[in-house]
Amino acid sequence: MKKLIFDVDGTILDSMHIWIKPQNELFAKYGYSFTELSKEEKGKIEALSIDDMCHYIANEIATDMTFEEVMKYFEDVIYTGYKDELGPKPGNLEILKKLKDAGFSMSVASSTPYKYLEMALKRLGIYDYFDFFATPELLGMKKSEPGYWQYSIKKHGVDPEACVLFDDALYAIKAAKKEGIITVGLKDFPWNQNEWDHIKEEADMTLEKISGMDIEKFM
């Protein structure tokens, strides 16, 4: 039975808009568009913790704003979203319950701070489905770094090829695959539409959504 590692935003939750829209609105003021960045630059930003992302924006994009001002700009929107508003993609609550009932060991691998994930997943009643969480501030590593994935492999207590990552981000799929993890690319249009052809090339398999998986393939 494989050990299953799940990204959250754009994979479990229908939540990428809560990050992308504020980013695009802020970027637009300075002549940039997050969704039109190259896949390399987009992946670089997506891999950052929220603190590092805000530092990057203050230093490189919104240079007339302080780090604190950028952080407040995002936190006002994001906190409310995870606490009260964001929901799962269709069918995800049901498939995750089936996986848990079937005895799968599952974990989370996300660039989103744990405090936000905890609020959303507890509200949806699926927090306890996951054995552990890997986030940049918990590990002191970005999702693009080898050590991040080695941590999850070690915590699951198996060889890398016994782990399966479900993720919608190209950079994460590439980083996990380098460490020997089986990768499943998830479609999250329009947010990863520009990367989708590359995801199909890089991932070991792809799915329209988690709820479309064949559980028997991962036994």
N, C-alpha and C. Protein backbone atom coordinates (compact mmCIF):
# COMPACT_ATOMS: atom_id res chain seq x y z
N MET A 1 0.85 -1.20 0.00
CA MET A 1 0.00 0.00 0.00
C MET A 1 0.88 1.25 0.00
N LYS A 2 0.70 2.12 -0.98
CA LYS A 2 1.52 3.31 -1.11
C LYS A 2 1.23 4.32 0.01
N LYS A 3 2.23 5.14 0.31
CA LYS A 3 2.06 6.27 1.23
C LYS A 3 1.70 7.49 0.37
N LEU A 4 0.63 8.15 0.71
CA LEU A 4 0.09 9.21 -0.14
C LEU A 4 0.40 10.59 0.44
N ILE A 5 0.97 11.45 -0.38
CA ILE A 5 1.36 12.81 0.01
C ILE A 5 0.52 13.79 -0.81
N PHE A 6 -0.19 14.66 -0.13
CA PHE A 6 -1.10 15.58 -0.82
C PHE A 6 -0.69 17.04 -0.65
N ASP A 7 -0.59 17.73 -1.76
CA ASP A 7 -0.63 19.18 -1.73
C ASP A 7 -2.04 19.59 -1.32
N VAL A 8 -2.22 20.83 -0.90
CA VAL A 8 -3.55 21.28 -0.47
C VAL A 8 -4.15 22.27 -1.47
N ASP A 9 -3.49 23.40 -1.68
CA ASP A 9 -4.08 24.45 -2.52
C ASP A 9 -4.07 24.06 -3.99
N GLY A 10 -5.25 24.02 -4.58
CA GLY A 10 -5.38 23.62 -5.97
C GLY A 10 -5.44 22.13 -6.17
N THR A 11 -5.26 21.37 -5.08
CA THR A 11 -5.30 19.91 -5.14
C THR A 11 -6.45 19.38 -4.30
N ILE A 12 -6.39 19.63 -2.98
CA ILE A 12 -7.52 19.28 -2.10
C ILE A 12 -8.53 20.42 -2.09
N LEU A 13 -8.05 21.62 -1.84
CA LEU A 13 -8.94 22.79 -1.75
C LEU A 13 -9.01 23.53 -3.08
N ASP A 14 -10.16 24.09 -3.36
CA ASP A 14 -10.32 25.00 -4.48
C ASP A 14 -9.95 26.39 -3.96
N SER A 15 -8.66 26.66 -3.93
CA SER A 15 -8.19 27.82 -3.16
C SER A 15 -7.14 28.68 -3.84
N MET A 16 -6.69 28.31 -5.03
CA MET A 16 -5.61 29.08 -5.63
C MET A 16 -6.01 30.54 -5.88
N HIS A 17 -7.30 30.78 -6.10
CA HIS A 17 -7.74 32.15 -6.36
C HIS A 17 -7.44 33.08 -5.19
N ILE A 18 -7.41 32.53 -3.97
CA ILE A 18 -7.21 33.39 -2.81
C ILE A 18 -5.76 33.86 -2.72
N TRP A 19 -4.86 33.19 -3.44
CA TRP A 19 -3.47 33.62 -3.54
C TRP A 19 -3.23 34.39 -4.84
N ILE A 20 -3.74 33.86 -5.95
CA ILE A 20 -3.41 34.43 -7.26
C ILE A 20 -4.06 35.78 -7.48
N LYS A 21 -5.35 35.91 -7.12
CA LYS A 21 -6.04 37.19 -7.38
C LYS A 21 -5.40 38.35 -6.61
N PRO A 22 -5.13 38.21 -5.30
CA PRO A 22 -4.44 39.32 -4.62
C PRO A 22 -3.05 39.59 -5.19
N GLN A 23 -2.35 38.50 -5.58
CA GLN A 23 -1.03 38.71 -6.19
C GLN A 23 -1.16 39.49 -7.50
N ASN A 24 -2.10 39.09 -8.35
CA ASN A 24 -2.25 39.77 -9.63
C ASN A 24 -2.66 41.22 -9.46
N GLU A 25 -3.55 41.48 -8.49
CA GLU A 25 -3.99 42.85 -8.25
C GLU A 25 -2.83 43.72 -7.80
N LEU A 26 -1.98 43.16 -6.92
CA LEU A 26 -0.83 43.91 -6.45
C LEU A 26 0.21 44.05 -7.56
N PHE A 27 0.49 42.95 -8.26
CA PHE A 27 1.48 42.99 -9.33
C PHE A 27 1.09 43.98 -10.42
N ALA A 28 -0.23 44.04 -10.73
CA ALA A 28 -0.70 44.90 -11.82
C ALA A 28 -0.38 46.37 -11.57
N LYS A 29 -0.37 46.75 -10.29
CA LYS A 29 -0.04 48.14 -9.97
C LYS A 29 1.38 48.49 -10.39
N TYR A 30 2.21 47.46 -10.55
CA TYR A 30 3.62 47.69 -10.87
C TYR A 30 3.99 47.14 -12.25
N GLY A 31 2.94 46.85 -13.06
CA GLY A 31 3.18 46.43 -14.43
C GLY A 31 3.52 44.98 -14.61
N TYR A 32 3.19 44.14 -13.63
CA TYR A 32 3.48 42.71 -13.71
C TYR A 32 2.17 41.92 -13.66
N SER A 33 2.23 40.66 -14.09
CA SER A 33 1.11 39.73 -13.95
C SER A 33 1.66 38.39 -13.49
N PHE A 34 1.18 37.91 -12.34
CA PHE A 34 1.69 36.64 -11.82
C PHE A 34 1.42 35.50 -12.78
N THR A 35 0.22 35.46 -13.36
CA THR A 35 -0.15 34.34 -14.23
C THR A 35 0.61 34.34 -15.55
N GLU A 36 1.21 35.47 -15.90
CA GLU A 36 1.96 35.55 -17.15
C GLU A 36 3.47 35.41 -16.96
N LEU A 37 3.90 35.16 -15.72
CA LEU A 37 5.32 34.93 -15.48
C LEU A 37 5.76 33.63 -16.15
N SER A 38 7.04 33.50 -16.40
CA SER A 38 7.57 32.24 -16.93
C SER A 38 7.34 31.14 -15.89
N LYS A 39 7.32 29.89 -16.35
CA LYS A 39 7.09 28.78 -15.42
C LYS A 39 8.20 28.72 -14.37
N GLU A 40 9.42 29.13 -14.74
CA GLU A 40 10.53 29.12 -13.77
C GLU A 40 10.31 30.17 -12.68
N GLU A 41 9.95 31.40 -13.09
CA GLU A 41 9.74 32.48 -12.12
C GLU A 41 8.50 32.20 -11.27
N LYS A 42 7.44 31.69 -11.89
CA LYS A 42 6.22 31.34 -11.16
C LYS A 42 6.51 30.27 -10.11
N GLY A 43 7.26 29.25 -10.52
CA GLY A 43 7.62 28.17 -9.59
C GLY A 43 8.47 28.67 -8.44
N LYS A 44 9.36 29.61 -8.73
CA LYS A 44 10.21 30.19 -7.69
C LYS A 44 9.37 30.86 -6.61
N ILE A 45 8.36 31.63 -7.04
CA ILE A 45 7.50 32.34 -6.09
C ILE A 45 6.60 31.37 -5.34
N GLU A 46 6.04 30.38 -6.05
CA GLU A 46 5.12 29.42 -5.42
C GLU A 46 5.80 28.59 -4.34
N ALA A 47 7.10 28.38 -4.49
CA ALA A 47 7.83 27.56 -3.52
C ALA A 47 8.14 28.31 -2.23
N LEU A 48 7.96 29.63 -2.23
CA LEU A 48 8.31 30.43 -1.05
C LEU A 48 7.25 30.30 0.04
N SER A 49 7.71 30.40 1.27
CA SER A 49 6.77 30.56 2.38
C SER A 49 6.10 31.91 2.24
N ILE A 50 5.02 32.14 2.97
CA ILE A 50 4.34 33.43 2.86
C ILE A 50 5.25 34.57 3.29
N ASP A 51 6.07 34.37 4.32
CA ASP A 51 7.02 35.40 4.74
C ASP A 51 8.00 35.72 3.63
N ASP A 52 8.58 34.65 3.04
CA ASP A 52 9.56 34.86 1.98
C ASP A 52 8.92 35.47 0.73
N MET A 53 7.67 35.06 0.44
CA MET A 53 6.96 35.63 -0.69
C MET A 53 6.77 37.13 -0.50
N CYS A 54 6.38 37.53 0.70
CA CYS A 54 6.16 38.96 0.98
C CYS A 54 7.46 39.74 0.94
N HIS A 55 8.55 39.13 1.42
CA HIS A 55 9.87 39.77 1.30
C HIS A 55 10.23 39.95 -0.17
N TYR A 56 10.00 38.91 -0.97
CA TYR A 56 10.32 38.97 -2.40
C TYR A 56 9.53 40.09 -3.08
N ILE A 57 8.23 40.16 -2.79
CA ILE A 57 7.38 41.17 -3.43
C ILE A 57 7.82 42.58 -3.01
N ALA A 58 8.11 42.76 -1.72
CA ALA A 58 8.54 44.07 -1.23
C ALA A 58 9.89 44.48 -1.83
N ASN A 59 10.77 43.50 -2.03
CA ASN A 59 12.11 43.81 -2.53
C ASN A 59 12.19 43.92 -4.05
N GLU A 60 11.34 43.13 -4.75
CA GLU A 60 11.49 43.01 -6.19
C GLU A 60 10.34 43.62 -7.00
N ILE A 61 9.15 43.70 -6.43
CA ILE A 61 7.97 44.15 -7.19
C ILE A 61 7.44 45.47 -6.64
N ALA A 62 6.87 45.39 -5.44
CA ALA A 62 6.27 46.57 -4.81
C ALA A 62 7.31 47.24 -3.92
N THR A 63 8.28 47.85 -4.56
CA THR A 63 9.45 48.34 -3.81
C THR A 63 9.15 49.57 -2.96
N ASP A 64 7.96 50.16 -3.15
CA ASP A 64 7.59 51.29 -2.29
C ASP A 64 6.78 50.83 -1.07
N MET A 65 6.57 49.54 -0.94
CA MET A 65 5.87 48.97 0.22
C MET A 65 6.87 48.27 1.13
N THR A 66 6.62 48.30 2.42
CA THR A 66 7.45 47.56 3.36
C THR A 66 7.00 46.11 3.41
N PHE A 67 7.84 45.25 3.95
CA PHE A 67 7.46 43.85 4.15
C PHE A 67 6.19 43.76 4.96
N GLU A 68 6.09 44.54 6.02
CA GLU A 68 4.91 44.51 6.90
C GLU A 68 3.64 44.90 6.15
N GLU A 69 3.74 45.88 5.26
CA GLU A 69 2.58 46.30 4.48
C GLU A 69 2.13 45.21 3.50
N VAL A 70 3.09 44.56 2.88
CA VAL A 70 2.76 43.47 1.95
C VAL A 70 2.13 42.31 2.71
N MET A 71 2.70 41.96 3.85
CA MET A 71 2.18 40.86 4.66
C MET A 71 0.74 41.13 5.09
N LYS A 72 0.46 42.35 5.53
CA LYS A 72 -0.89 42.68 5.95
C LYS A 72 -1.86 42.61 4.78
N TYR A 73 -1.42 43.03 3.62
CA TYR A 73 -2.25 42.99 2.41
C TYR A 73 -2.75 41.58 2.15
N PHE A 74 -1.87 40.59 2.28
CA PHE A 74 -2.26 39.20 2.02
C PHE A 74 -2.99 38.58 3.21
N GLU A 75 -2.53 38.84 4.41
CA GLU A 75 -3.11 38.17 5.58
C GLU A 75 -4.58 38.51 5.79
N ASP A 76 -4.97 39.74 5.49
CA ASP A 76 -6.36 40.14 5.68
C ASP A 76 -7.30 39.27 4.85
N VAL A 77 -6.87 38.93 3.63
CA VAL A 77 -7.69 38.11 2.74
C VAL A 77 -7.57 36.63 3.07
N ILE A 78 -6.34 36.18 3.30
CA ILE A 78 -6.06 34.75 3.43
C ILE A 78 -6.62 34.18 4.72
N TYR A 79 -6.47 34.87 5.83
CA TYR A 79 -6.95 34.36 7.11
C TYR A 79 -8.45 34.06 7.04
N THR A 80 -9.22 35.02 6.54
CA THR A 80 -10.68 34.84 6.45
C THR A 80 -11.02 33.68 5.52
N GLY A 81 -10.29 33.57 4.42
CA GLY A 81 -10.56 32.51 3.46
C GLY A 81 -10.40 31.13 4.06
N TYR A 82 -9.29 30.87 4.71
CA TYR A 82 -9.04 29.54 5.28
C TYR A 82 -9.92 29.27 6.50
N LYS A 83 -10.19 30.30 7.26
CA LYS A 83 -10.99 30.12 8.47
C LYS A 83 -12.46 29.85 8.15
N ASP A 84 -13.00 30.56 7.15
CA ASP A 84 -14.46 30.55 6.98
C ASP A 84 -14.98 30.17 5.59
N GLU A 85 -14.17 30.29 4.55
CA GLU A 85 -14.74 30.29 3.20
C GLU A 85 -14.32 29.16 2.27
N LEU A 86 -13.06 28.84 2.21
CA LEU A 86 -12.55 27.93 1.19
C LEU A 86 -13.13 26.53 1.34
N GLY A 87 -13.49 25.94 0.20
CA GLY A 87 -14.05 24.60 0.21
C GLY A 87 -13.20 23.63 -0.58
N PRO A 88 -13.52 22.34 -0.50
CA PRO A 88 -12.78 21.33 -1.24
C PRO A 88 -13.23 21.28 -2.70
N LYS A 89 -12.41 20.73 -3.54
CA LYS A 89 -12.84 20.45 -4.90
C LYS A 89 -13.88 19.33 -4.87
N PRO A 90 -14.78 19.30 -5.85
CA PRO A 90 -15.86 18.31 -5.84
C PRO A 90 -15.36 16.87 -5.69
N GLY A 91 -15.96 16.16 -4.75
CA GLY A 91 -15.64 14.75 -4.55
C GLY A 91 -14.45 14.48 -3.66
N ASN A 92 -13.70 15.52 -3.27
CA ASN A 92 -12.48 15.28 -2.50
C ASN A 92 -12.73 14.79 -1.09
N LEU A 93 -13.75 15.31 -0.42
CA LEU A 93 -14.02 14.83 0.93
C LEU A 93 -14.35 13.35 0.91
N GLU A 94 -15.11 12.93 -0.07
CA GLU A 94 -15.52 11.53 -0.17
C GLU A 94 -14.34 10.61 -0.48
N ILE A 95 -13.48 11.01 -1.42
CA ILE A 95 -12.36 10.13 -1.78
C ILE A 95 -11.34 10.07 -0.66
N LEU A 96 -11.11 11.17 0.04
CA LEU A 96 -10.17 11.15 1.16
C LEU A 96 -10.68 10.25 2.28
N LYS A 97 -11.97 10.26 2.54
CA LYS A 97 -12.54 9.37 3.55
C LYS A 97 -12.38 7.91 3.13
N LYS A 98 -12.59 7.62 1.85
CA LYS A 98 -12.42 6.25 1.35
C LYS A 98 -10.98 5.79 1.54
N LEU A 99 -10.04 6.68 1.24
CA LEU A 99 -8.62 6.35 1.39
C LEU A 99 -8.27 6.09 2.85
N LYS A 100 -8.78 6.94 3.74
CA LYS A 100 -8.52 6.76 5.16
C LYS A 100 -9.14 5.45 5.66
N ASP A 101 -10.38 5.19 5.27
CA ASP A 101 -11.06 3.97 5.70
C ASP A 101 -10.36 2.73 5.15
N ALA A 102 -9.72 2.86 3.99
CA ALA A 102 -9.02 1.72 3.39
C ALA A 102 -7.67 1.46 4.04
N GLY A 103 -7.23 2.38 4.92
CA GLY A 103 -5.99 2.17 5.66
C GLY A 103 -4.77 2.85 5.09
N PHE A 104 -4.94 3.76 4.14
CA PHE A 104 -3.79 4.47 3.59
C PHE A 104 -3.21 5.43 4.61
N SER A 105 -1.88 5.52 4.64
CA SER A 105 -1.18 6.55 5.41
C SER A 105 -1.06 7.77 4.51
N MET A 106 -1.53 8.92 5.00
CA MET A 106 -1.53 10.14 4.19
C MET A 106 -0.87 11.29 4.95
N SER A 107 -0.23 12.17 4.19
CA SER A 107 0.39 13.36 4.77
C SER A 107 0.16 14.54 3.85
N VAL A 108 0.48 15.72 4.36
CA VAL A 108 0.33 16.96 3.59
C VAL A 108 1.70 17.54 3.30
N ALA A 109 1.88 18.00 2.05
CA ALA A 109 3.08 18.73 1.65
C ALA A 109 2.63 20.03 0.99
N SER A 110 2.80 21.15 1.69
CA SER A 110 2.24 22.42 1.21
C SER A 110 3.19 23.57 1.49
N SER A 111 3.12 24.59 0.66
CA SER A 111 3.86 25.83 0.92
C SER A 111 3.06 26.79 1.77
N THR A 112 1.80 26.48 2.02
CA THR A 112 0.94 27.33 2.84
C THR A 112 1.24 27.12 4.32
N PRO A 113 1.29 28.17 5.12
CA PRO A 113 1.56 28.01 6.54
C PRO A 113 0.59 27.05 7.22
N TYR A 114 1.13 26.27 8.14
CA TYR A 114 0.35 25.27 8.85
C TYR A 114 -0.90 25.86 9.52
N LYS A 115 -0.79 27.07 10.06
CA LYS A 115 -1.92 27.64 10.80
C LYS A 115 -3.15 27.81 9.91
N TYR A 116 -2.93 28.10 8.64
CA TYR A 116 -4.06 28.23 7.71
C TYR A 116 -4.62 26.87 7.33
N LEU A 117 -3.73 25.93 7.05
CA LEU A 117 -4.17 24.57 6.71
C LEU A 117 -4.98 23.97 7.85
N GLU A 118 -4.49 24.14 9.05
CA GLU A 118 -5.18 23.58 10.22
C GLU A 118 -6.60 24.10 10.32
N MET A 119 -6.79 25.41 10.15
CA MET A 119 -8.13 25.99 10.24
C MET A 119 -9.07 25.40 9.19
N ALA A 120 -8.60 25.35 7.95
CA ALA A 120 -9.46 24.89 6.86
C ALA A 120 -9.77 23.40 6.96
N LEU A 121 -8.75 22.60 7.21
CA LEU A 121 -8.96 21.14 7.23
C LEU A 121 -9.77 20.69 8.43
N LYS A 122 -9.62 21.37 9.57
CA LYS A 122 -10.46 21.05 10.73
C LYS A 122 -11.90 21.46 10.46
N ARG A 123 -12.10 22.60 9.86
CA ARG A 123 -13.46 23.05 9.54
C ARG A 123 -14.16 22.05 8.61
N LEU A 124 -13.39 21.44 7.70
CA LEU A 124 -13.96 20.49 6.75
C LEU A 124 -14.02 19.06 7.28
N GLY A 125 -13.45 18.84 8.48
CA GLY A 125 -13.52 17.53 9.10
C GLY A 125 -12.54 16.50 8.56
N ILE A 126 -11.45 16.95 7.91
CA ILE A 126 -10.49 16.01 7.33
C ILE A 126 -9.08 16.16 7.91
N TYR A 127 -8.92 17.02 8.89
CA TYR A 127 -7.59 17.26 9.47
C TYR A 127 -6.96 15.97 9.98
N ASP A 128 -7.74 15.15 10.67
CA ASP A 128 -7.22 13.94 11.28
C ASP A 128 -6.94 12.82 10.30
N TYR A 129 -7.25 13.02 9.03
CA TYR A 129 -6.93 12.02 8.02
C TYR A 129 -5.42 11.94 7.77
N PHE A 130 -4.71 13.01 8.13
CA PHE A 130 -3.30 13.12 7.76
C PHE A 130 -2.39 12.86 8.96
N ASP A 131 -1.36 12.05 8.71
CA ASP A 131 -0.46 11.63 9.78
C ASP A 131 0.51 12.74 10.18
N PHE A 132 0.90 13.57 9.24
CA PHE A 132 1.81 14.69 9.57
C PHE A 132 1.73 15.73 8.46
N PHE A 133 2.28 16.91 8.76
CA PHE A 133 2.27 18.04 7.83
C PHE A 133 3.70 18.50 7.55
N ALA A 134 3.97 18.79 6.29
CA ALA A 134 5.25 19.39 5.90
C ALA A 134 4.96 20.75 5.28
N THR A 135 5.43 21.80 5.95
CA THR A 135 5.29 23.17 5.44
C THR A 135 6.62 23.89 5.64
N PRO A 136 6.89 24.95 4.89
CA PRO A 136 8.19 25.60 5.00
C PRO A 136 8.55 26.07 6.40
N GLU A 137 7.55 26.63 7.12
CA GLU A 137 7.90 27.16 8.45
C GLU A 137 8.08 26.05 9.48
N LEU A 138 7.45 24.90 9.27
CA LEU A 138 7.65 23.77 10.19
C LEU A 138 8.99 23.09 9.96
N LEU A 139 9.42 23.03 8.69
CA LEU A 139 10.64 22.31 8.35
C LEU A 139 11.86 23.21 8.22
N GLY A 140 11.64 24.50 8.01
CA GLY A 140 12.77 25.39 7.73
C GLY A 140 13.34 25.15 6.34
N MET A 141 12.51 24.60 5.44
CA MET A 141 12.92 24.32 4.07
C MET A 141 11.78 24.63 3.12
N LYS A 142 12.14 25.03 1.90
CA LYS A 142 11.13 25.27 0.87
C LYS A 142 10.74 23.97 0.19
N LYS A 143 9.58 23.99 -0.42
CA LYS A 143 9.05 22.81 -1.10
C LYS A 143 9.87 22.45 -2.34
N SER A 144 10.69 23.35 -2.79
CA SER A 144 11.54 23.09 -3.95
C SER A 144 12.87 22.43 -3.57
N GLU A 145 13.14 22.28 -2.27
CA GLU A 145 14.42 21.75 -1.81
C GLU A 145 14.36 20.24 -1.61
N PRO A 146 15.46 19.53 -1.90
CA PRO A 146 15.49 18.08 -1.72
C PRO A 146 15.16 17.63 -0.30
N GLY A 147 15.67 18.36 0.70
CA GLY A 147 15.44 17.98 2.09
C GLY A 147 13.99 17.98 2.50
N TYR A 148 13.20 18.83 1.88
CA TYR A 148 11.77 18.89 2.16
C TYR A 148 11.12 17.55 1.86
N TRP A 149 11.44 16.99 0.70
CA TRP A 149 10.84 15.71 0.29
C TRP A 149 11.46 14.54 1.03
N GLN A 150 12.74 14.64 1.33
CA GLN A 150 13.40 13.59 2.11
C GLN A 150 12.78 13.48 3.50
N TYR A 151 12.35 14.61 4.05
CA TYR A 151 11.66 14.59 5.34
C TYR A 151 10.39 13.76 5.26
N SER A 152 9.57 14.00 4.23
CA SER A 152 8.31 13.26 4.10
C SER A 152 8.55 11.78 3.88
N ILE A 153 9.55 11.45 3.06
CA ILE A 153 9.89 10.04 2.83
C ILE A 153 10.29 9.37 4.14
N LYS A 154 11.15 10.04 4.90
CA LYS A 154 11.63 9.48 6.17
C LYS A 154 10.48 9.33 7.16
N LYS A 155 9.61 10.33 7.25
CA LYS A 155 8.48 10.27 8.19
C LYS A 155 7.54 9.12 7.83
N HIS A 156 7.38 8.84 6.56
CA HIS A 156 6.52 7.73 6.16
C HIS A 156 7.21 6.38 6.38
N GLY A 157 8.54 6.41 6.52
CA GLY A 157 9.27 5.20 6.85
C GLY A 157 9.36 4.17 5.74
N VAL A 158 9.42 4.63 4.50
CA VAL A 158 9.48 3.72 3.36
C VAL A 158 10.51 4.23 2.35
N ASP A 159 10.76 3.44 1.31
CA ASP A 159 11.59 3.90 0.21
C ASP A 159 10.82 4.94 -0.60
N PRO A 160 11.53 5.83 -1.31
CA PRO A 160 10.85 6.89 -2.05
C PRO A 160 9.79 6.39 -3.02
N GLU A 161 10.07 5.27 -3.69
CA GLU A 161 9.14 4.79 -4.71
C GLU A 161 7.85 4.23 -4.11
N ALA A 162 7.79 4.14 -2.77
CA ALA A 162 6.54 3.74 -2.10
C ALA A 162 5.68 4.94 -1.75
N CYS A 163 6.17 6.15 -2.07
CA CYS A 163 5.42 7.38 -1.81
C CYS A 163 4.85 7.93 -3.11
N VAL A 164 3.65 8.50 -3.03
CA VAL A 164 3.00 9.09 -4.20
C VAL A 164 2.58 10.51 -3.84
N LEU A 165 3.02 11.47 -4.63
CA LEU A 165 2.63 12.87 -4.44
C LEU A 165 1.51 13.25 -5.40
N PHE A 166 0.48 13.91 -4.87
CA PHE A 166 -0.58 14.50 -5.67
C PHE A 166 -0.43 16.02 -5.59
N ASP A 167 -0.15 16.67 -6.72
CA ASP A 167 0.16 18.10 -6.69
C ASP A 167 -0.21 18.74 -8.01
N ASP A 168 -0.54 20.03 -7.96
CA ASP A 168 -0.91 20.76 -9.18
C ASP A 168 0.20 21.67 -9.68
N ALA A 169 1.34 21.72 -8.98
CA ALA A 169 2.41 22.66 -9.33
C ALA A 169 3.59 21.93 -9.98
N LEU A 170 4.03 22.44 -11.11
CA LEU A 170 5.13 21.83 -11.85
C LEU A 170 6.40 21.76 -11.02
N TYR A 171 6.76 22.86 -10.35
CA TYR A 171 8.02 22.88 -9.59
C TYR A 171 8.04 21.80 -8.51
N ALA A 172 6.88 21.56 -7.85
CA ALA A 172 6.82 20.56 -6.78
C ALA A 172 6.92 19.15 -7.35
N ILE A 173 6.26 18.91 -8.47
CA ILE A 173 6.33 17.61 -9.12
C ILE A 173 7.77 17.29 -9.53
N LYS A 174 8.46 18.27 -10.08
CA LYS A 174 9.85 18.07 -10.49
C LYS A 174 10.75 17.80 -9.30
N ALA A 175 10.57 18.56 -8.22
CA ALA A 175 11.41 18.40 -7.03
C ALA A 175 11.19 17.05 -6.37
N ALA A 176 9.92 16.63 -6.25
CA ALA A 176 9.61 15.34 -5.62
C ALA A 176 10.11 14.18 -6.47
N LYS A 177 9.95 14.29 -7.76
CA LYS A 177 10.37 13.22 -8.67
C LYS A 177 11.88 13.01 -8.61
N LYS A 178 12.64 14.08 -8.43
CA LYS A 178 14.09 13.97 -8.31
C LYS A 178 14.49 13.13 -7.10
N GLU A 179 13.63 13.11 -6.09
CA GLU A 179 13.92 12.33 -4.88
C GLU A 179 13.35 10.92 -4.95
N GLY A 180 12.77 10.55 -6.10
CA GLY A 180 12.30 9.19 -6.31
C GLY A 180 10.84 8.95 -6.00
N ILE A 181 10.10 10.02 -5.66
CA ILE A 181 8.67 9.91 -5.33
C ILE A 181 7.87 9.79 -6.62
N ILE A 182 6.87 8.91 -6.64
CA ILE A 182 5.94 8.82 -7.76
C ILE A 182 5.08 10.08 -7.75
N THR A 183 4.86 10.67 -8.91
CA THR A 183 4.14 11.95 -8.96
C THR A 183 2.87 11.85 -9.80
N VAL A 184 1.82 12.48 -9.28
CA VAL A 184 0.53 12.58 -9.98
C VAL A 184 0.20 14.06 -10.14
N GLY A 185 0.14 14.53 -11.37
CA GLY A 185 -0.18 15.92 -11.63
C GLY A 185 -1.68 16.14 -11.68
N LEU A 186 -2.15 17.17 -10.98
CA LEU A 186 -3.58 17.49 -10.93
C LEU A 186 -3.87 18.74 -11.75
N LYS A 187 -4.93 18.68 -12.53
CA LYS A 187 -5.36 19.83 -13.30
C LYS A 187 -6.04 20.84 -12.39
N ASP A 188 -5.66 22.11 -12.51
CA ASP A 188 -6.30 23.17 -11.73
C ASP A 188 -6.39 24.42 -12.61
N PHE A 189 -7.23 24.30 -13.64
CA PHE A 189 -7.39 25.41 -14.59
C PHE A 189 -8.28 26.50 -13.99
N PRO A 190 -8.04 27.76 -14.23
CA PRO A 190 -7.02 28.29 -15.15
C PRO A 190 -5.65 28.46 -14.53
N TRP A 191 -5.52 28.15 -13.24
CA TRP A 191 -4.32 28.53 -12.50
C TRP A 191 -3.05 27.82 -12.97
N ASN A 192 -3.15 26.56 -13.38
CA ASN A 192 -1.93 25.90 -13.89
C ASN A 192 -2.05 25.55 -15.37
N GLN A 193 -2.92 26.26 -16.06
CA GLN A 193 -3.15 25.97 -17.48
C GLN A 193 -1.89 26.17 -18.31
N ASN A 194 -1.13 27.22 -18.02
CA ASN A 194 0.09 27.50 -18.78
C ASN A 194 1.16 26.45 -18.56
N GLU A 195 1.07 25.72 -17.45
CA GLU A 195 2.08 24.71 -17.11
C GLU A 195 1.63 23.29 -17.45
N TRP A 196 0.36 23.13 -17.88
CA TRP A 196 -0.22 21.80 -17.95
C TRP A 196 0.53 20.86 -18.90
N ASP A 197 0.94 21.34 -20.06
CA ASP A 197 1.68 20.48 -20.98
C ASP A 197 2.99 20.00 -20.36
N HIS A 198 3.65 20.88 -19.60
CA HIS A 198 4.90 20.51 -18.93
C HIS A 198 4.62 19.53 -17.78
N ILE A 199 3.51 19.72 -17.08
CA ILE A 199 3.13 18.80 -16.01
C ILE A 199 2.88 17.41 -16.57
N LYS A 200 2.20 17.34 -17.71
CA LYS A 200 1.92 16.04 -18.33
C LYS A 200 3.21 15.33 -18.75
N GLU A 201 4.19 16.10 -19.16
CA GLU A 201 5.48 15.53 -19.54
C GLU A 201 6.27 15.06 -18.32
N GLU A 202 6.18 15.81 -17.23
CA GLU A 202 7.03 15.56 -16.07
C GLU A 202 6.45 14.52 -15.11
N ALA A 203 5.14 14.58 -14.86
CA ALA A 203 4.52 13.69 -13.86
C ALA A 203 4.44 12.26 -14.37
N ASP A 204 4.44 11.32 -13.43
CA ASP A 204 4.31 9.91 -13.80
C ASP A 204 2.91 9.60 -14.31
N MET A 205 1.93 10.34 -13.81
CA MET A 205 0.56 10.23 -14.30
C MET A 205 -0.16 11.53 -14.00
N THR A 206 -1.32 11.74 -14.61
CA THR A 206 -2.10 12.94 -14.34
C THR A 206 -3.56 12.58 -14.08
N LEU A 207 -4.23 13.47 -13.36
CA LEU A 207 -5.65 13.30 -13.07
C LEU A 207 -6.35 14.65 -13.24
N GLU A 208 -7.61 14.59 -13.63
CA GLU A 208 -8.43 15.79 -13.65
C GLU A 208 -8.67 16.28 -12.23
N LYS A 209 -8.88 15.33 -11.30
CA LYS A 209 -9.12 15.64 -9.90
C LYS A 209 -8.85 14.41 -9.05
N ILE A 210 -8.60 14.61 -7.77
CA ILE A 210 -8.29 13.49 -6.87
C ILE A 210 -9.42 12.47 -6.87
N SER A 211 -10.64 12.94 -6.90
CA SER A 211 -11.79 12.04 -6.80
C SER A 211 -11.90 11.10 -7.99
N GLY A 212 -11.11 11.36 -9.04
CA GLY A 212 -11.12 10.48 -10.20
C GLY A 212 -10.09 9.36 -10.13
N MET A 213 -9.38 9.26 -9.02
CA MET A 213 -8.33 8.24 -8.93
C MET A 213 -8.91 6.83 -8.82
N ASP A 214 -8.13 5.86 -9.30
CA ASP A 214 -8.43 4.45 -9.12
C ASP A 214 -7.66 3.98 -7.89
N ILE A 215 -8.35 3.82 -6.78
CA ILE A 215 -7.69 3.48 -5.52
C ILE A 215 -6.86 2.21 -5.63
N GLU A 216 -7.32 1.26 -6.44
CA GLU A 216 -6.61 -0.02 -6.57
C GLU A 216 -5.19 0.16 -7.08
N LYS A 217 -4.95 1.20 -7.87
CA LYS A 217 -3.61 1.44 -8.42
C LYS A 217 -2.58 1.75 -7.34
N PHE A 218 -3.06 2.19 -6.18
CA PHE A 218 -2.13 2.62 -5.13
C PHE A 218 -2.09 1.64 -3.95
N MET A 219 -2.75 0.53 -4.09
CA MET A 219 -2.71 -0.49 -3.05
C MET A 219 -1.33 -1.17 -2.99
